[in-house]
Amino acid sequence: MMDSKKVLDTILAIGKRIEEEKDFLTELDNVIGDGDHGINMARGFHMVAEKLAPLEGKDIGTLLKTTGMTLVSTVGGASGPLYGTAFMKAGMVMAGKEEMSLTDFFACMDAAIEGVKMRGKGDKGEKTMLDAMIPALDAMKSSADGGAGAKEVLKAGVQSAKEGVEYTKTIIATKGRASYVGERSIGHQDPGATSFTDMLEVICQAL
């Protein structure tokens, strides 16, 4: 699916996408959160690019772990610890590996989701990034079980993640700052679910 160079390029491409989408992500967060999701994530991935620059040729676990540690230390609010934990957990799965297979990617996603659940003490149905992550992984596994190739598998994941984002518009936030606005959160999509979907779309485009 990807070697370490491709993973490095893809992480940098994710950073560019977050930079392009930062105003929209911040606009979403203005309504139901702190209003800084896009700005914080863009700043974090700018630092990730600096940290990864001297790491070309390193194993995939090191690249993912460095990404996670950088996000934890540079992104404020809940997003830094949650995305940082997700990348660090994925890095543990890929420790010492130079190639990532589709099976490895699923293992990374499993570990990332469990990490986000643990760190955020949350689950699906609470208007968080998990509402995109969990259905996306389920769809990708189902697509792979049906015999689809990696590109088609990722497309299925992106479609399901987008549906997850739409789902977050229909439910009341019960986690984080968004929970403070209660029923007024209905009708607004979750910024974290949206940024995760952006990331998955970049990974799909990289294949």
Foldseek 3Di string as FASTA:
>chain_A
DDFQQLLLVLLLVLLVLLQVCLQVLLVLCVQQHDSGVSVLSNQLSVVLNVVCVVVPPPWNLVSLLSSLVSLLVRGDDPVNQLSSQLSNQLSVLRPPHRDADVVSVLVSLVSSLVSNCVSQVDAAPQQALNLLSVQLSVQLVVVVVVPDDPLVSLVSSLVSLVVSQVVSLQHQHDGHRSNVVGPSSRRGGRSRSVSVSSSSVSVSVSD
